[in-house]
Amino acid sequence: MRRLWTVLAVATIAAALACGCSKNETVTADESVTGNEKSVECAKETCGDAVTCQGGTCADKPCAAKTDAEVGLDVGQAPPDFTLKNLAGDDVSLSDFQGKIVVLDFWATWCGPCRQEIPMLVSLYEEFRDRGLVVVGVGLDKDGAKALAPFAESNRVSYPVLVGDQALGRTYKVTAIPSTYVIGRDGTIVSKHVGFDPAVASALRADVERLVAQSGQEA
């Protein structure tokens, strides 16, 4: 029986790593449960002058503008807002990109599939940035900007890279990377992709092209 459980455990781990990297370095299963409970607790608060609740993440700042959509991580919901430092040390919020098409990518320098995905994201960004696309890379390395900055420079990452943390990983329920959200101009989630392979690359490009085309039609 012990041998059977060992075989099942190995098979489960292999399946999880097939398309993406396990993110145990940043978020553990126990932390995820705690984070979810915290999100529920925070979501009961109301926005005030000093303390706000933004999609389950409590922050000491005024309420950011939101769409009428319910805040959450499912397609059609508005993802939780957040504020992180960029590689220059400046504060950047997800809500800063309101009205744009956003590809929000959770990644790390040590993750092989993440490194494979980045050239494609750079290409998408350069192709469609003048038509309203922004790619936001949230790096989840333990060493933060110390690891992210030289990697971004050597790999010519032209889109914004932010220094992520465990709290945001829990809020977004990131258990494997890359985890990539596509967000429409209305501020709601269009799709989510976990891992990276040719099929994911094709789906991401199709999502972006469709949203760009819709923007052109509406104009």
N, C-alpha and C. Protein backbone atom coordinates (compact mmCIF):
# COMPACT_ATOMS: atom_id res chain seq x y z
N MET A 1 0.83 -1.22 0.00
CA MET A 1 0.00 0.00 0.00
C MET A 1 0.86 1.26 0.00
N ARG A 2 1.95 1.25 0.82
CA ARG A 2 2.83 2.41 0.86
C ARG A 2 3.43 2.67 -0.52
N ARG A 3 3.81 1.59 -1.24
CA ARG A 3 4.38 1.76 -2.58
C ARG A 3 3.34 2.38 -3.53
N LEU A 4 2.06 1.98 -3.41
CA LEU A 4 0.99 2.54 -4.25
C LEU A 4 0.85 4.02 -4.03
N TRP A 5 0.84 4.46 -2.78
CA TRP A 5 0.73 5.90 -2.48
C TRP A 5 1.92 6.68 -3.03
N THR A 6 3.09 6.08 -2.96
CA THR A 6 4.29 6.75 -3.49
C THR A 6 4.17 6.95 -4.99
N VAL A 7 3.71 5.91 -5.70
CA VAL A 7 3.55 6.01 -7.16
C VAL A 7 2.53 7.08 -7.52
N LEU A 8 1.41 7.12 -6.79
CA LEU A 8 0.38 8.13 -7.06
C LEU A 8 0.89 9.53 -6.82
N ALA A 9 1.68 9.72 -5.78
CA ALA A 9 2.22 11.05 -5.47
C ALA A 9 3.17 11.53 -6.56
N VAL A 10 4.03 10.63 -7.03
CA VAL A 10 4.97 10.99 -8.10
C VAL A 10 4.22 11.35 -9.37
N ALA A 11 3.18 10.59 -9.68
CA ALA A 11 2.41 10.86 -10.90
C ALA A 11 1.72 12.21 -10.82
N THR A 12 1.20 12.56 -9.64
CA THR A 12 0.54 13.85 -9.46
C THR A 12 1.49 15.01 -9.66
N ILE A 13 2.68 14.91 -9.08
CA ILE A 13 3.68 15.96 -9.22
C ILE A 13 4.11 16.12 -10.67
N ALA A 14 4.31 15.00 -11.37
CA ALA A 14 4.73 15.06 -12.77
C ALA A 14 3.68 15.75 -13.62
N ALA A 15 2.40 15.48 -13.36
CA ALA A 15 1.33 16.12 -14.13
C ALA A 15 1.31 17.61 -13.88
N ALA A 16 1.53 18.02 -12.64
CA ALA A 16 1.49 19.45 -12.31
C ALA A 16 2.60 20.21 -12.99
N LEU A 17 3.75 19.56 -13.19
CA LEU A 17 4.89 20.26 -13.77
C LEU A 17 4.95 20.17 -15.29
N ALA A 18 4.00 19.48 -15.91
CA ALA A 18 4.06 19.24 -17.35
C ALA A 18 4.06 20.53 -18.14
N CYS A 19 3.22 21.48 -17.76
CA CYS A 19 3.09 22.72 -18.52
C CYS A 19 3.61 23.93 -17.77
N GLY A 20 3.74 23.86 -16.48
CA GLY A 20 4.15 25.04 -15.73
C GLY A 20 4.98 24.65 -14.53
N CYS A 21 5.55 25.66 -13.88
CA CYS A 21 6.39 25.41 -12.71
C CYS A 21 5.56 25.45 -11.45
N SER A 22 5.83 24.53 -10.54
CA SER A 22 5.22 24.62 -9.22
C SER A 22 5.74 25.86 -8.54
N LYS A 23 4.85 26.57 -7.81
CA LYS A 23 5.27 27.80 -7.18
C LYS A 23 5.37 27.64 -5.67
N ASN A 24 5.79 26.47 -5.21
CA ASN A 24 5.92 26.25 -3.78
C ASN A 24 6.91 27.20 -3.15
N GLU A 25 7.82 27.74 -3.96
CA GLU A 25 8.81 28.67 -3.45
C GLU A 25 8.14 29.93 -2.90
N THR A 26 6.96 30.25 -3.41
CA THR A 26 6.29 31.47 -3.00
C THR A 26 5.05 31.22 -2.18
N VAL A 27 4.23 30.24 -2.57
CA VAL A 27 2.97 29.99 -1.87
C VAL A 27 2.85 28.51 -1.57
N THR A 28 2.58 28.18 -0.30
CA THR A 28 2.34 26.80 0.08
C THR A 28 0.85 26.56 0.19
N ALA A 29 0.47 25.29 0.28
CA ALA A 29 -0.96 24.97 0.38
C ALA A 29 -1.56 25.59 1.63
N ASP A 30 -0.85 25.52 2.75
CA ASP A 30 -1.36 26.10 3.99
C ASP A 30 -1.53 27.60 3.87
N GLU A 31 -0.58 28.27 3.21
CA GLU A 31 -0.67 29.71 3.03
C GLU A 31 -1.86 30.07 2.16
N SER A 32 -2.15 29.23 1.16
CA SER A 32 -3.27 29.51 0.27
C SER A 32 -4.58 29.50 1.04
N VAL A 33 -4.74 28.54 1.94
CA VAL A 33 -5.97 28.47 2.72
C VAL A 33 -6.10 29.71 3.59
N THR A 34 -5.01 30.09 4.26
CA THR A 34 -5.03 31.28 5.11
C THR A 34 -5.36 32.51 4.28
N GLY A 35 -4.76 32.60 3.09
CA GLY A 35 -5.01 33.75 2.23
C GLY A 35 -6.46 33.85 1.81
N ASN A 36 -7.09 32.70 1.51
CA ASN A 36 -8.49 32.71 1.11
C ASN A 36 -9.38 33.18 2.24
N GLU A 37 -9.09 32.71 3.47
CA GLU A 37 -9.88 33.14 4.61
C GLU A 37 -9.73 34.64 4.83
N LYS A 38 -8.52 35.16 4.66
CA LYS A 38 -8.27 36.58 4.82
C LYS A 38 -9.04 37.38 3.79
N SER A 39 -9.10 36.87 2.54
CA SER A 39 -9.81 37.57 1.49
C SER A 39 -11.29 37.68 1.82
N VAL A 40 -11.89 36.59 2.35
CA VAL A 40 -13.30 36.62 2.71
C VAL A 40 -13.54 37.64 3.80
N GLU A 41 -12.65 37.66 4.79
CA GLU A 41 -12.78 38.61 5.89
C GLU A 41 -12.69 40.05 5.40
N CYS A 42 -11.71 40.33 4.55
CA CYS A 42 -11.53 41.69 4.05
C CYS A 42 -12.69 42.12 3.18
N ALA A 43 -13.26 41.20 2.44
CA ALA A 43 -14.31 41.55 1.50
C ALA A 43 -15.56 42.05 2.20
N LYS A 44 -15.67 41.83 3.50
CA LYS A 44 -16.83 42.29 4.25
C LYS A 44 -16.72 43.75 4.63
N GLU A 45 -15.53 44.32 4.47
CA GLU A 45 -15.33 45.71 4.85
C GLU A 45 -15.90 46.64 3.78
N THR A 46 -16.15 47.87 4.16
CA THR A 46 -16.61 48.88 3.21
C THR A 46 -15.53 49.92 3.02
N CYS A 47 -15.54 50.55 1.87
CA CYS A 47 -14.51 51.55 1.58
C CYS A 47 -14.72 52.80 2.41
N GLY A 48 -13.65 53.29 2.98
CA GLY A 48 -13.69 54.53 3.74
C GLY A 48 -12.59 55.45 3.29
N ASP A 49 -12.34 56.51 4.05
CA ASP A 49 -11.33 57.47 3.67
C ASP A 49 -9.92 56.92 3.87
N ALA A 50 -9.74 56.02 4.83
CA ALA A 50 -8.40 55.55 5.16
C ALA A 50 -8.16 54.11 4.74
N VAL A 51 -9.14 53.25 4.98
CA VAL A 51 -8.94 51.83 4.73
C VAL A 51 -9.93 51.36 3.68
N THR A 52 -9.46 50.61 2.72
CA THR A 52 -10.34 50.08 1.68
C THR A 52 -10.18 48.59 1.56
N CYS A 53 -11.13 47.96 0.92
CA CYS A 53 -11.02 46.55 0.59
C CYS A 53 -11.08 46.43 -0.91
N GLN A 54 -9.99 45.97 -1.51
CA GLN A 54 -9.92 45.87 -2.97
C GLN A 54 -9.82 44.42 -3.36
N GLY A 55 -10.99 43.81 -3.63
CA GLY A 55 -11.00 42.42 -4.08
C GLY A 55 -10.40 41.47 -3.08
N GLY A 56 -10.56 41.75 -1.78
CA GLY A 56 -10.04 40.86 -0.77
C GLY A 56 -8.67 41.24 -0.27
N THR A 57 -8.09 42.31 -0.78
CA THR A 57 -6.79 42.77 -0.32
C THR A 57 -6.96 44.11 0.38
N CYS A 58 -6.70 44.13 1.68
CA CYS A 58 -6.88 45.37 2.44
C CYS A 58 -5.71 46.31 2.17
N ALA A 59 -5.99 47.58 1.99
CA ALA A 59 -4.93 48.55 1.69
C ALA A 59 -5.26 49.88 2.31
N ASP A 60 -4.25 50.55 2.84
CA ASP A 60 -4.43 51.87 3.45
C ASP A 60 -4.32 52.95 2.39
N LYS A 61 -5.33 53.02 1.53
CA LYS A 61 -5.36 54.06 0.52
C LYS A 61 -6.79 54.20 0.03
N PRO A 62 -7.13 55.31 -0.63
CA PRO A 62 -8.50 55.50 -1.08
C PRO A 62 -8.93 54.45 -2.08
N CYS A 63 -10.24 54.32 -2.25
CA CYS A 63 -10.77 53.33 -3.20
C CYS A 63 -10.36 53.67 -4.62
N ALA A 64 -9.92 52.65 -5.34
CA ALA A 64 -9.61 52.83 -6.76
C ALA A 64 -10.90 52.68 -7.56
N ALA A 65 -10.92 53.28 -8.74
CA ALA A 65 -12.09 53.17 -9.59
C ALA A 65 -12.27 51.73 -10.01
N LYS A 66 -13.51 51.25 -10.00
CA LYS A 66 -13.81 49.88 -10.37
C LYS A 66 -14.92 49.85 -11.40
N THR A 67 -15.00 48.73 -12.12
CA THR A 67 -16.13 48.54 -13.01
C THR A 67 -17.31 48.08 -12.17
N ASP A 68 -18.47 47.92 -12.80
CA ASP A 68 -19.64 47.43 -12.10
C ASP A 68 -19.59 45.92 -11.91
N ALA A 69 -18.59 45.27 -12.52
CA ALA A 69 -18.47 43.82 -12.43
C ALA A 69 -18.05 43.41 -11.02
N GLU A 70 -18.48 42.22 -10.63
CA GLU A 70 -18.09 41.66 -9.34
C GLU A 70 -16.59 41.38 -9.35
N VAL A 71 -15.94 41.65 -8.23
CA VAL A 71 -14.50 41.39 -8.13
C VAL A 71 -14.27 39.91 -7.88
N GLY A 72 -13.38 39.32 -8.66
CA GLY A 72 -13.07 37.91 -8.50
C GLY A 72 -12.08 37.46 -9.55
N LEU A 73 -11.89 36.17 -9.69
CA LEU A 73 -10.89 35.61 -10.60
C LEU A 73 -11.48 34.78 -11.72
N ASP A 74 -12.81 34.80 -11.85
CA ASP A 74 -13.46 34.05 -12.92
C ASP A 74 -13.64 34.95 -14.15
N VAL A 75 -13.80 34.31 -15.30
CA VAL A 75 -14.07 35.06 -16.52
C VAL A 75 -15.33 35.92 -16.32
N GLY A 76 -15.24 37.20 -16.71
CA GLY A 76 -16.35 38.12 -16.55
C GLY A 76 -16.29 38.92 -15.27
N GLN A 77 -15.37 38.58 -14.36
CA GLN A 77 -15.21 39.33 -13.11
C GLN A 77 -14.04 40.30 -13.23
N ALA A 78 -14.06 41.32 -12.39
CA ALA A 78 -12.95 42.28 -12.34
C ALA A 78 -11.89 41.75 -11.38
N PRO A 79 -10.64 41.58 -11.82
CA PRO A 79 -9.62 41.04 -10.94
C PRO A 79 -9.30 42.00 -9.80
N PRO A 80 -8.84 41.47 -8.67
CA PRO A 80 -8.50 42.34 -7.53
C PRO A 80 -7.43 43.35 -7.91
N ASP A 81 -7.63 44.59 -7.48
CA ASP A 81 -6.61 45.61 -7.71
C ASP A 81 -5.43 45.37 -6.77
N PHE A 82 -4.28 45.90 -7.10
CA PHE A 82 -3.10 45.78 -6.25
C PHE A 82 -2.14 46.90 -6.58
N THR A 83 -1.21 47.12 -5.70
CA THR A 83 -0.13 48.08 -5.92
C THR A 83 1.19 47.42 -5.56
N LEU A 84 2.14 47.45 -6.50
CA LEU A 84 3.47 46.86 -6.29
C LEU A 84 4.52 47.84 -6.78
N LYS A 85 5.76 47.59 -6.41
CA LYS A 85 6.88 48.39 -6.90
C LYS A 85 7.32 47.85 -8.27
N ASN A 86 7.66 48.77 -9.17
CA ASN A 86 8.30 48.33 -10.41
C ASN A 86 9.80 48.26 -10.19
N LEU A 87 10.56 47.96 -11.22
CA LEU A 87 12.00 47.77 -11.05
C LEU A 87 12.74 49.06 -10.76
N ALA A 88 12.06 50.20 -10.96
CA ALA A 88 12.65 51.50 -10.62
C ALA A 88 12.28 51.92 -9.21
N GLY A 89 11.46 51.12 -8.54
CA GLY A 89 11.05 51.44 -7.17
C GLY A 89 9.80 52.29 -7.07
N ASP A 90 9.11 52.50 -8.19
CA ASP A 90 7.89 53.30 -8.18
C ASP A 90 6.67 52.42 -7.98
N ASP A 91 5.63 52.99 -7.34
CA ASP A 91 4.38 52.26 -7.14
C ASP A 91 3.60 52.18 -8.44
N VAL A 92 3.12 50.98 -8.75
CA VAL A 92 2.28 50.77 -9.93
C VAL A 92 1.07 49.94 -9.49
N SER A 93 -0.13 50.38 -9.88
CA SER A 93 -1.35 49.65 -9.56
C SER A 93 -1.95 49.06 -10.81
N LEU A 94 -2.65 47.96 -10.66
CA LEU A 94 -3.35 47.38 -11.80
C LEU A 94 -4.36 48.38 -12.36
N SER A 95 -4.99 49.14 -11.49
CA SER A 95 -6.00 50.12 -11.92
C SER A 95 -5.39 51.26 -12.74
N ASP A 96 -4.06 51.40 -12.72
CA ASP A 96 -3.40 52.41 -13.55
C ASP A 96 -3.63 52.13 -15.04
N PHE A 97 -3.94 50.88 -15.37
CA PHE A 97 -4.08 50.48 -16.77
C PHE A 97 -5.55 50.36 -17.18
N GLN A 98 -6.41 51.02 -16.41
CA GLN A 98 -7.84 50.98 -16.72
C GLN A 98 -8.09 51.51 -18.14
N GLY A 99 -8.92 50.79 -18.89
CA GLY A 99 -9.22 51.18 -20.26
C GLY A 99 -8.31 50.55 -21.28
N LYS A 100 -7.29 49.80 -20.83
CA LYS A 100 -6.38 49.11 -21.74
C LYS A 100 -6.67 47.61 -21.74
N ILE A 101 -6.16 46.94 -22.75
CA ILE A 101 -6.15 45.48 -22.76
C ILE A 101 -4.91 45.06 -21.98
N VAL A 102 -5.09 44.25 -20.95
CA VAL A 102 -3.98 43.90 -20.06
C VAL A 102 -3.72 42.40 -20.10
N VAL A 103 -2.47 42.04 -20.34
CA VAL A 103 -2.03 40.66 -20.15
C VAL A 103 -1.22 40.65 -18.85
N LEU A 104 -1.80 40.05 -17.82
CA LEU A 104 -1.19 40.03 -16.49
C LEU A 104 -0.54 38.67 -16.27
N ASP A 105 0.79 38.67 -16.17
CA ASP A 105 1.55 37.43 -16.16
C ASP A 105 2.31 37.25 -14.85
N PHE A 106 2.01 36.17 -14.12
CA PHE A 106 2.75 35.82 -12.90
C PHE A 106 3.85 34.83 -13.30
N TRP A 107 5.10 35.16 -12.94
CA TRP A 107 6.23 34.38 -13.41
C TRP A 107 7.40 34.48 -12.44
N ALA A 108 8.48 33.77 -12.75
CA ALA A 108 9.72 33.85 -11.97
C ALA A 108 10.89 33.51 -12.88
N THR A 109 12.05 34.03 -12.54
CA THR A 109 13.22 33.83 -13.39
C THR A 109 13.68 32.37 -13.40
N TRP A 110 13.37 31.62 -12.33
CA TRP A 110 13.83 30.24 -12.24
C TRP A 110 12.90 29.26 -12.96
N CYS A 111 11.82 29.74 -13.52
CA CYS A 111 10.80 28.88 -14.13
C CYS A 111 11.04 28.75 -15.63
N GLY A 112 11.33 27.52 -16.10
CA GLY A 112 11.61 27.30 -17.50
C GLY A 112 10.49 27.72 -18.44
N PRO A 113 9.25 27.27 -18.21
CA PRO A 113 8.15 27.70 -19.09
C PRO A 113 7.94 29.22 -19.09
N CYS A 114 8.22 29.87 -17.95
CA CYS A 114 8.11 31.33 -17.89
C CYS A 114 9.12 31.97 -18.84
N ARG A 115 10.34 31.46 -18.83
CA ARG A 115 11.38 32.00 -19.70
C ARG A 115 11.04 31.78 -21.17
N GLN A 116 10.35 30.66 -21.46
CA GLN A 116 9.93 30.40 -22.83
C GLN A 116 8.81 31.35 -23.25
N GLU A 117 7.97 31.72 -22.31
CA GLU A 117 6.82 32.57 -22.61
C GLU A 117 7.22 34.03 -22.86
N ILE A 118 8.26 34.51 -22.19
CA ILE A 118 8.59 35.93 -22.21
C ILE A 118 8.85 36.48 -23.62
N PRO A 119 9.62 35.82 -24.48
CA PRO A 119 9.79 36.38 -25.84
C PRO A 119 8.48 36.58 -26.58
N MET A 120 7.52 35.66 -26.38
CA MET A 120 6.22 35.80 -27.01
C MET A 120 5.47 37.01 -26.45
N LEU A 121 5.56 37.21 -25.14
CA LEU A 121 4.89 38.36 -24.52
C LEU A 121 5.51 39.67 -24.99
N VAL A 122 6.83 39.69 -25.11
CA VAL A 122 7.51 40.88 -25.62
C VAL A 122 7.05 41.18 -27.04
N SER A 123 6.95 40.14 -27.86
CA SER A 123 6.51 40.31 -29.24
C SER A 123 5.08 40.85 -29.30
N LEU A 124 4.19 40.29 -28.49
CA LEU A 124 2.80 40.78 -28.45
C LEU A 124 2.75 42.25 -28.03
N TYR A 125 3.51 42.57 -26.99
CA TYR A 125 3.52 43.94 -26.48
C TYR A 125 4.01 44.92 -27.52
N GLU A 126 5.10 44.59 -28.19
CA GLU A 126 5.65 45.50 -29.19
C GLU A 126 4.72 45.65 -30.39
N GLU A 127 4.00 44.58 -30.72
CA GLU A 127 3.10 44.62 -31.87
C GLU A 127 1.83 45.42 -31.60
N PHE A 128 1.31 45.33 -30.39
CA PHE A 128 -0.01 45.90 -30.12
C PHE A 128 -0.02 47.02 -29.07
N ARG A 129 1.13 47.44 -28.57
CA ARG A 129 1.14 48.46 -27.53
C ARG A 129 0.52 49.77 -28.01
N ASP A 130 0.67 50.10 -29.27
CA ASP A 130 0.10 51.33 -29.81
C ASP A 130 -1.41 51.22 -30.05
N ARG A 131 -1.93 50.01 -29.86
CA ARG A 131 -3.37 49.79 -30.03
C ARG A 131 -4.05 49.44 -28.71
N GLY A 132 -3.36 49.79 -27.62
CA GLY A 132 -4.01 49.69 -26.32
C GLY A 132 -3.64 48.49 -25.47
N LEU A 133 -2.63 47.71 -25.89
CA LEU A 133 -2.22 46.55 -25.10
C LEU A 133 -1.10 46.90 -24.14
N VAL A 134 -1.20 46.39 -22.92
CA VAL A 134 -0.08 46.46 -21.99
C VAL A 134 0.11 45.08 -21.38
N VAL A 135 1.35 44.64 -21.31
CA VAL A 135 1.70 43.40 -20.62
C VAL A 135 2.30 43.79 -19.28
N VAL A 136 1.83 43.18 -18.22
CA VAL A 136 2.34 43.45 -16.87
C VAL A 136 2.88 42.15 -16.31
N GLY A 137 4.18 42.09 -16.11
CA GLY A 137 4.80 40.89 -15.56
C GLY A 137 5.00 41.04 -14.06
N VAL A 138 4.41 40.15 -13.28
CA VAL A 138 4.57 40.16 -11.82
C VAL A 138 5.55 39.06 -11.45
N GLY A 139 6.77 39.45 -11.12
CA GLY A 139 7.82 38.51 -10.78
C GLY A 139 7.70 38.01 -9.36
N LEU A 140 7.83 36.71 -9.15
CA LEU A 140 7.62 36.11 -7.84
C LEU A 140 8.90 35.52 -7.25
N ASP A 141 10.05 36.00 -7.70
CA ASP A 141 11.32 35.53 -7.13
C ASP A 141 11.47 35.98 -5.68
N LYS A 142 12.04 35.11 -4.86
CA LYS A 142 12.28 35.47 -3.46
C LYS A 142 13.18 36.69 -3.33
N ASP A 143 14.15 36.83 -4.25
CA ASP A 143 15.10 37.94 -4.18
C ASP A 143 14.55 39.22 -4.80
N GLY A 144 13.33 39.21 -5.26
CA GLY A 144 12.68 40.42 -5.76
C GLY A 144 13.43 41.08 -6.91
N ALA A 145 13.54 42.40 -6.82
CA ALA A 145 14.16 43.17 -7.90
C ALA A 145 15.61 42.78 -8.14
N LYS A 146 16.28 42.27 -7.11
CA LYS A 146 17.68 41.87 -7.25
C LYS A 146 17.82 40.76 -8.30
N ALA A 147 16.83 39.88 -8.40
CA ALA A 147 16.85 38.83 -9.41
C ALA A 147 16.16 39.26 -10.69
N LEU A 148 15.07 40.03 -10.55
CA LEU A 148 14.25 40.38 -11.71
C LEU A 148 14.91 41.40 -12.63
N ALA A 149 15.56 42.41 -12.05
CA ALA A 149 16.10 43.50 -12.85
C ALA A 149 17.16 43.03 -13.86
N PRO A 150 18.19 42.29 -13.44
CA PRO A 150 19.18 41.85 -14.43
C PRO A 150 18.59 40.89 -15.46
N PHE A 151 17.63 40.07 -15.05
CA PHE A 151 16.99 39.16 -16.00
C PHE A 151 16.22 39.95 -17.05
N ALA A 152 15.44 40.94 -16.61
CA ALA A 152 14.65 41.75 -17.54
C ALA A 152 15.56 42.50 -18.51
N GLU A 153 16.69 42.99 -18.01
CA GLU A 153 17.60 43.72 -18.88
C GLU A 153 18.26 42.80 -19.90
N SER A 154 18.74 41.65 -19.46
CA SER A 154 19.45 40.76 -20.37
C SER A 154 18.51 40.12 -21.39
N ASN A 155 17.23 40.01 -21.05
CA ASN A 155 16.27 39.42 -21.98
C ASN A 155 15.42 40.47 -22.69
N ARG A 156 15.80 41.74 -22.53
CA ARG A 156 15.15 42.85 -23.23
C ARG A 156 13.64 42.85 -23.03
N VAL A 157 13.23 42.71 -21.78
CA VAL A 157 11.81 42.75 -21.45
C VAL A 157 11.38 44.21 -21.48
N SER A 158 10.57 44.57 -22.45
CA SER A 158 10.21 45.98 -22.66
C SER A 158 8.94 46.39 -21.94
N TYR A 159 8.17 45.43 -21.47
CA TYR A 159 6.93 45.76 -20.77
C TYR A 159 7.18 45.92 -19.26
N PRO A 160 6.24 46.51 -18.51
CA PRO A 160 6.45 46.73 -17.08
C PRO A 160 6.62 45.42 -16.31
N VAL A 161 7.62 45.38 -15.45
CA VAL A 161 7.84 44.24 -14.56
C VAL A 161 7.69 44.74 -13.13
N LEU A 162 6.84 44.07 -12.36
CA LEU A 162 6.58 44.46 -10.98
C LEU A 162 7.11 43.39 -10.04
N VAL A 163 7.45 43.80 -8.83
CA VAL A 163 7.98 42.88 -7.82
C VAL A 163 6.81 42.34 -7.00
N GLY A 164 6.47 41.08 -7.23
CA GLY A 164 5.34 40.47 -6.55
C GLY A 164 5.69 40.00 -5.15
N ASP A 165 4.67 39.55 -4.43
CA ASP A 165 4.88 39.06 -3.07
C ASP A 165 3.91 37.92 -2.78
N GLN A 166 4.08 37.28 -1.63
CA GLN A 166 3.25 36.14 -1.25
C GLN A 166 1.78 36.53 -1.13
N ALA A 167 1.53 37.72 -0.59
CA ALA A 167 0.15 38.14 -0.38
C ALA A 167 -0.62 38.19 -1.70
N LEU A 168 0.00 38.75 -2.73
CA LEU A 168 -0.68 38.84 -4.02
C LEU A 168 -0.83 37.45 -4.64
N GLY A 169 0.18 36.60 -4.46
CA GLY A 169 0.08 35.23 -4.96
C GLY A 169 -1.10 34.51 -4.34
N ARG A 170 -1.33 34.73 -3.04
CA ARG A 170 -2.47 34.10 -2.39
C ARG A 170 -3.78 34.70 -2.89
N THR A 171 -3.82 36.02 -3.05
CA THR A 171 -5.04 36.68 -3.53
C THR A 171 -5.44 36.14 -4.90
N TYR A 172 -4.45 35.95 -5.78
CA TYR A 172 -4.73 35.47 -7.13
C TYR A 172 -4.68 33.95 -7.24
N LYS A 173 -4.53 33.27 -6.10
CA LYS A 173 -4.55 31.80 -6.05
C LYS A 173 -3.55 31.20 -7.05
N VAL A 174 -2.36 31.76 -7.08
CA VAL A 174 -1.33 31.28 -7.99
C VAL A 174 -0.65 30.06 -7.38
N THR A 175 -0.85 28.91 -7.97
CA THR A 175 -0.23 27.67 -7.49
C THR A 175 0.76 27.09 -8.50
N ALA A 176 0.74 27.61 -9.72
CA ALA A 176 1.70 27.19 -10.75
C ALA A 176 1.97 28.38 -11.66
N ILE A 177 3.18 28.45 -12.19
CA ILE A 177 3.54 29.56 -13.07
C ILE A 177 4.16 29.02 -14.35
N PRO A 178 4.02 29.78 -15.45
CA PRO A 178 3.33 31.06 -15.51
C PRO A 178 1.82 30.91 -15.40
N SER A 179 1.19 31.87 -14.73
CA SER A 179 -0.27 32.01 -14.72
C SER A 179 -0.56 33.36 -15.35
N THR A 180 -1.32 33.35 -16.44
CA THR A 180 -1.50 34.55 -17.25
C THR A 180 -2.97 34.87 -17.44
N TYR A 181 -3.36 36.07 -17.02
CA TYR A 181 -4.72 36.55 -17.18
C TYR A 181 -4.78 37.54 -18.35
N VAL A 182 -5.82 37.44 -19.16
CA VAL A 182 -6.10 38.44 -20.19
C VAL A 182 -7.31 39.24 -19.72
N ILE A 183 -7.15 40.55 -19.65
CA ILE A 183 -8.18 41.45 -19.11
C ILE A 183 -8.60 42.43 -20.19
N GLY A 184 -9.90 42.56 -20.43
CA GLY A 184 -10.40 43.44 -21.47
C GLY A 184 -10.41 44.90 -21.06
N ARG A 185 -10.74 45.76 -22.01
CA ARG A 185 -10.78 47.20 -21.74
C ARG A 185 -11.81 47.57 -20.67
N ASP A 186 -12.83 46.73 -20.50
CA ASP A 186 -13.84 47.01 -19.49
C ASP A 186 -13.39 46.60 -18.10
N GLY A 187 -12.17 46.08 -17.99
CA GLY A 187 -11.61 45.72 -16.69
C GLY A 187 -12.00 44.35 -16.19
N THR A 188 -12.60 43.51 -17.04
CA THR A 188 -12.98 42.17 -16.60
C THR A 188 -12.12 41.11 -17.27
N ILE A 189 -12.01 39.97 -16.62
CA ILE A 189 -11.17 38.87 -17.10
C ILE A 189 -11.80 38.21 -18.32
N VAL A 190 -11.01 38.07 -19.36
CA VAL A 190 -11.44 37.41 -20.59
C VAL A 190 -11.02 35.94 -20.58
N SER A 191 -9.83 35.66 -20.08
CA SER A 191 -9.34 34.28 -20.05
C SER A 191 -8.19 34.16 -19.07
N LYS A 192 -7.88 32.91 -18.70
CA LYS A 192 -6.73 32.61 -17.85
C LYS A 192 -6.01 31.41 -18.44
N HIS A 193 -4.68 31.48 -18.48
CA HIS A 193 -3.87 30.39 -19.02
C HIS A 193 -2.81 30.02 -17.99
N VAL A 194 -2.67 28.74 -17.70
CA VAL A 194 -1.65 28.25 -16.76
C VAL A 194 -0.65 27.39 -17.52
N GLY A 195 0.63 27.68 -17.32
CA GLY A 195 1.67 26.98 -18.05
C GLY A 195 1.93 27.65 -19.39
N PHE A 196 2.85 27.08 -20.17
CA PHE A 196 3.13 27.63 -21.48
C PHE A 196 3.57 26.54 -22.43
N ASP A 197 2.93 26.50 -23.59
CA ASP A 197 3.27 25.60 -24.68
C ASP A 197 2.72 26.23 -25.96
N PRO A 198 2.92 25.64 -27.13
CA PRO A 198 2.42 26.25 -28.36
C PRO A 198 0.92 26.54 -28.35
N ALA A 199 0.14 25.66 -27.72
CA ALA A 199 -1.31 25.88 -27.67
C ALA A 199 -1.65 27.11 -26.84
N VAL A 200 -0.95 27.30 -25.72
CA VAL A 200 -1.18 28.48 -24.89
C VAL A 200 -0.77 29.74 -25.64
N ALA A 201 0.37 29.69 -26.32
CA ALA A 201 0.83 30.84 -27.09
C ALA A 201 -0.20 31.24 -28.13
N SER A 202 -0.75 30.26 -28.82
CA SER A 202 -1.75 30.52 -29.85
C SER A 202 -3.02 31.11 -29.24
N ALA A 203 -3.44 30.59 -28.10
CA ALA A 203 -4.65 31.08 -27.45
C ALA A 203 -4.48 32.50 -26.94
N LEU A 204 -3.32 32.79 -26.37
CA LEU A 204 -3.04 34.15 -25.89
C LEU A 204 -3.09 35.16 -27.03
N ARG A 205 -2.42 34.82 -28.12
CA ARG A 205 -2.42 35.73 -29.28
C ARG A 205 -3.84 35.91 -29.82
N ALA A 206 -4.60 34.84 -29.89
CA ALA A 206 -5.97 34.93 -30.39
C ALA A 206 -6.82 35.84 -29.50
N ASP A 207 -6.63 35.72 -28.18
CA ASP A 207 -7.37 36.59 -27.25
C ASP A 207 -7.05 38.06 -27.50
N VAL A 208 -5.76 38.35 -27.61
CA VAL A 208 -5.33 39.73 -27.79
C VAL A 208 -5.82 40.28 -29.13
N GLU A 209 -5.66 39.51 -30.19
CA GLU A 209 -6.08 39.97 -31.51
C GLU A 209 -7.58 40.24 -31.55
N ARG A 210 -8.35 39.39 -30.88
CA ARG A 210 -9.80 39.58 -30.86
C ARG A 210 -10.18 40.85 -30.11
N LEU A 211 -9.52 41.10 -28.97
CA LEU A 211 -9.83 42.30 -28.19
C LEU A 211 -9.40 43.56 -28.92
N VAL A 212 -8.27 43.50 -29.59
CA VAL A 212 -7.81 44.67 -30.38
C VAL A 212 -8.79 44.94 -31.51
N ALA A 213 -9.24 43.88 -32.18
CA ALA A 213 -10.18 44.03 -33.28
C ALA A 213 -11.51 44.62 -32.79
N GLN A 214 -11.97 44.17 -31.64
CA GLN A 214 -13.21 44.69 -31.08
C GLN A 214 -13.07 46.17 -30.76
N SER A 215 -11.91 46.56 -30.24
CA SER A 215 -11.67 47.97 -29.92
C SER A 215 -11.75 48.82 -31.18
N GLY A 216 -11.20 48.28 -32.30
CA GLY A 216 -11.24 49.01 -33.55
C GLY A 216 -12.64 49.18 -34.07
N GLN A 217 -13.48 48.15 -33.91
CA GLN A 217 -14.85 48.21 -34.36
C GLN A 217 -15.68 49.21 -33.55
N GLU A 218 -15.41 49.23 -32.21
CA GLU A 218 -16.13 50.15 -31.35
C GLU A 218 -15.77 51.59 -31.63
N ALA A 219 -14.50 51.83 -32.04
CA ALA A 219 -14.05 53.18 -32.34
C ALA A 219 -14.73 53.69 -33.60
